[in-house]
C-alpha atoms as a PDB file:
ATOM      1  CA  MET A   1     -10.014  10.223  -0.192  1.00  0.00           C
ATOM      2  CA  HIS A   2     -10.577   6.535  -0.080  1.00  0.00           C
ATOM      3  CA  ILE A   3      -8.518   4.656   2.648  1.00  0.00           C
ATOM      4  CA  ASP A   4      -8.141   1.023   2.813  1.00  0.00           C
ATOM      5  CA  GLU A   5      -9.175  -0.182   5.848  1.00  0.00           C
ATOM      6  CA  THR A   6      -7.617  -3.491   5.871  1.00  0.00           C
ATOM      7  CA  LEU A   7      -4.307  -1.736   6.063  1.00  0.00           C
ATOM      8  CA  SER A   8      -4.245  -0.821   9.700  1.00  0.00           C
ATOM      9  CA  LEU A   9      -0.518  -0.769  10.485  1.00  0.00           C
ATOM     10  CA  VAL A  10       1.864   1.892   9.267  1.00  0.00           C
ATOM     11  CA  ASP A  11       5.632   1.848   9.307  1.00  0.00           C
ATOM     12  CA  HIS A  12       6.764   5.476   9.932  1.00  0.00           C
ATOM     13  CA  ARG A  13      10.503   5.739   9.103  1.00  0.00           C
ATOM     14  CA  ILE A  14      12.532   8.608   9.607  1.00  0.00           C
ATOM     15  CA  TYR A  15      16.053   8.784   8.375  1.00  0.00           C
ATOM     16  CA  THR A  16      18.330  11.761   9.205  1.00  0.00           C
ATOM     17  CA  ILE A  17      20.902  12.291   6.517  1.00  0.00           C
ATOM     18  CA  ALA A  18      24.335  13.728   6.874  1.00  0.00           C
ATOM     19  CA  LEU A  19      24.573  17.710   6.318  1.00  0.00           C
ATOM     20  CA  ARG A  20      24.546  18.493   2.495  1.00  0.00           C
ATOM     21  CA  LYS A  21      24.202  14.889   1.561  1.00  0.00           C
ATOM     22  CA  MET A  22      20.360  14.793   0.928  1.00  0.00           C
ATOM     23  CA  PRO A  23      20.855  14.947  -2.899  1.00  0.00           C
ATOM     24  CA  GLU A  24      23.228  12.010  -2.940  1.00  0.00           C
ATOM     25  CA  PHE A  25      20.958  10.016  -0.445  1.00  0.00           C
ATOM     26  CA  LEU A  26      17.717  10.506  -2.647  1.00  0.00           C
ATOM     27  CA  ASP A  27      19.787   9.445  -5.820  1.00  0.00           C
ATOM     28  CA  VAL A  28      21.012   6.261  -3.983  1.00  0.00           C
ATOM     29  CA  PHE A  29      17.702   5.492  -2.402  1.00  0.00           C
ATOM     30  CA  ASP A  30      15.922   5.842  -5.898  1.00  0.00           C
ATOM     31  CA  ARG A  31      18.162   3.960  -8.082  1.00  0.00           C
ATOM     32  CA  LEU A  32      19.141   1.045  -5.414  1.00  0.00           C
ATOM     33  CA  ALA A  33      16.441   0.984  -2.719  1.00  0.00           C
ATOM     34  CA  MET A  34      13.101   1.921  -4.432  1.00  0.00           C
ATOM     35  CA  PRO A  35      13.086  -0.848  -6.969  1.00  0.00           C
ATOM     36  CA  ILE A  36      13.598  -3.316  -4.197  1.00  0.00           C
ATOM     37  CA  LEU A  37      11.018  -1.768  -1.511  1.00  0.00           C
ATOM     38  CA  LEU A  38       8.476  -1.569  -4.555  1.00  0.00           C
ATOM     39  CA  GLU A  39       8.982  -5.518  -5.213  1.00  0.00           C
ATOM     40  CA  THR A  40       8.904  -6.563  -1.649  1.00  0.00           C
ATOM     41  CA  LEU A  41       6.832  -3.806   0.213  1.00  0.00           C
ATOM     42  CA  GLY A  42       4.595  -2.553  -2.320  1.00  0.00           C
ATOM     43  CA  ASN A  43       3.642   1.008  -2.875  1.00  0.00           C
ATOM     44  CA  PRO A  44       4.520   3.474  -0.016  1.00  0.00           C
ATOM     45  CA  ILE A  45       1.823   5.747   1.410  1.00  0.00           C
ATOM     46  CA  GLY A  46       4.479   8.511   0.756  1.00  0.00           C
ATOM     47  CA  ILE A  47       8.004   9.835   0.946  1.00  0.00           C
ATOM     48  CA  TYR A  48       8.779  13.047   2.238  1.00  0.00           C
ATOM     49  CA  THR A  49      11.761  15.463   2.885  1.00  0.00           C
ATOM     50  CA  SER A  50      11.573  17.805   6.083  1.00  0.00           C
ATOM     51  CA  HIS A  51      11.678  21.530   5.439  1.00  0.00           C
ATOM     52  CA  VAL A  52      10.637  23.015   9.050  1.00  0.00           C
ATOM     53  CA  GLY A  53      11.648  21.536  12.471  1.00  0.00           C
ATOM     54  CA  PRO A  54      14.414  18.820  12.488  1.00  0.00           C
ATOM     55  CA  LEU A  55      16.166  19.098   8.855  1.00  0.00           C
ATOM     56  CA  ASN A  56      17.987  16.784   6.590  1.00  0.00           C
ATOM     57  CA  GLN A  57      15.220  14.235   7.308  1.00  0.00           C
ATOM     58  CA  VAL A  58      13.700  11.641   5.021  1.00  0.00           C
ATOM     59  CA  VAL A  59      10.278  10.221   6.207  1.00  0.00           C
ATOM     60  CA  HIS A  60       8.658   7.249   4.491  1.00  0.00           C
ATOM     61  CA  LEU A  61       5.206   5.633   5.313  1.00  0.00           C
ATOM     62  CA  TRP A  62       4.320   1.902   4.356  1.00  0.00           C
ATOM     63  CA  ALA A  63       0.910   0.458   5.189  1.00  0.00           C
ATOM     64  CA  TYR A  64       0.307  -3.139   6.300  1.00  0.00           C
ATOM     65  CA  LYS A  65      -2.659  -5.538   7.412  1.00  0.00           C
ATOM     66  CA  ASP A  66      -1.113  -6.338  10.505  1.00  0.00           C
ATOM     67  CA  LEU A  67       2.281  -7.258  12.290  1.00  0.00           C
ATOM     68  CA  ALA A  68       2.588 -10.669  10.555  1.00  0.00           C
ATOM     69  CA  ASP A  69       2.094  -8.798   7.169  1.00  0.00           C
ATOM     70  CA  TYR A  70       4.855  -6.158   8.218  1.00  0.00           C
ATOM     71  CA  GLN A  71       7.287  -9.081   9.318  1.00  0.00           C
ATOM     72  CA  ALA A  72       6.987 -11.007   6.179  1.00  0.00           C
ATOM     73  CA  ARG A  73       7.322  -8.272   3.744  1.00  0.00           C
ATOM     74  CA  CYS A  74      10.354  -6.738   5.727  1.00  0.00           C
ATOM     75  CA  LEU A  75      12.022 -10.177   5.568  1.00  0.00           C
ATOM     76  CA  ARG A  76      11.544 -10.281   1.775  1.00  0.00           C
ATOM     77  CA  ARG A  77      13.307  -6.858   1.766  1.00  0.00           C
ATOM     78  CA  ASP A  78      15.822  -7.858   3.937  1.00  0.00           C
ATOM     79  CA  THR A  79      16.671 -10.948   2.115  1.00  0.00           C
ATOM     80  CA  HIS A  80      16.432  -9.545  -1.307  1.00  0.00           C
ATOM     81  CA  PRO A  81      19.893 -10.078  -3.050  1.00  0.00           C
ATOM     82  CA  ASP A  82      20.433  -6.638  -4.187  1.00  0.00           C
ATOM     83  CA  PHE A  83      19.460  -5.026  -0.804  1.00  0.00           C
ATOM     84  CA  PRO A  84      23.040  -5.086   0.568  1.00  0.00           C
ATOM     85  CA  ALA A  85      24.227  -2.915  -2.275  1.00  0.00           C
ATOM     86  CA  TYR A  86      21.750  -0.266  -1.098  1.00  0.00           C
ATOM     87  CA  LEU A  87      22.838  -0.599   2.496  1.00  0.00           C
ATOM     88  CA  GLU A  88      26.452  -0.235   1.585  1.00  0.00           C
ATOM     89  CA  ALA A  89      26.113   2.729  -0.802  1.00  0.00           C
ATOM     90  CA  SER A  90      24.092   4.504   1.888  1.00  0.00           C
ATOM     91  CA  SER A  91      25.780   3.647   5.047  1.00  0.00           C
ATOM     92  CA  HIS A  92      27.925   6.919   4.961  1.00  0.00           C
ATOM     93  CA  LEU A  93      24.828   9.210   4.261  1.00  0.00           C
ATOM     94  CA  ILE A  94      22.693   8.000   7.149  1.00  0.00           C
ATOM     95  CA  VAL A  95      23.233   9.585  10.383  1.00  0.00           C
ATOM     96  CA  ALA A  96      20.265   8.146  12.338  1.00  0.00           C
ATOM     97  CA  GLN A  97      17.142   6.109  11.820  1.00  0.00           C
ATOM     98  CA  GLU A  98      13.893   5.841  13.774  1.00  0.00           C
ATOM     99  CA  ASN A  99      10.852   3.469  13.123  1.00  0.00           C
ATOM    100  CA  ARG A 100       7.690   3.689  14.676  1.00  0.00           C
ATOM    101  CA  LEU A 101       4.786   1.368  13.906  1.00  0.00           C
ATOM    102  CA  LEU A 102       1.539   2.982  14.189  1.00  0.00           C
ATOM    103  CA  THR A 103      -1.928   1.431  14.482  1.00  0.00           C
ATOM    104  CA  CYS A 104      -5.084   3.138  12.900  1.00  0.00           C
ATOM    105  CA  ALA A 105      -7.346   4.979  15.356  1.00  0.00           C
ATOM    106  CA  ARG A 106     -10.801   4.004  13.797  1.00  0.00           C
ATOM    107  CA  LEU A 107     -12.876   6.906  14.918  1.00  0.00           C
ATOM    108  CA  PRO A 108     -16.681   6.512  13.871  1.00  0.00           C
ATOM    109  CA  SER A 109     -16.690  10.449  13.097  1.00  0.00           C
ATOM    110  CA  MET A 110     -13.976   9.861  10.343  1.00  0.00           C
ATOM    111  CA  ARG A 111     -15.380   6.773   8.555  1.00  0.00           C
ATOM    112  CA  GLU A 112     -17.791   8.937   5.811  1.00  0.00           C
ATOM    113  CA  ARG A 113     -14.744  11.338   5.494  1.00  0.00           C
ATOM    114  CA  LEU A 114     -12.238   8.643   4.352  1.00  0.00           C
ATOM    115  CA  GLN A 115     -14.610   6.797   1.940  1.00  0.00           C
END
């Protein structure tokens, strides 16, 4: 696996979805949010749903060069003219949201494994 070492900041987002609303949320997210997110944020590291531990959660991870890159891309997302439609369509589906900004721990022992 090759990791781009220039992307040292990860936005780790967790959305808790209303009970029995996961299929509806995933549909709304894929149709209304993903085209905007791909255009403004780029490709995600991954998008996942929970199956053990806290349930009804969607986790997505996006990599950035640094805090300035994160802020610039988030501003493009938040000011995209189609983004309010996604926010409106998903507002009744999201119970809670958490965001964590994670920085890369550059361990010398992992360098060769990640290339």
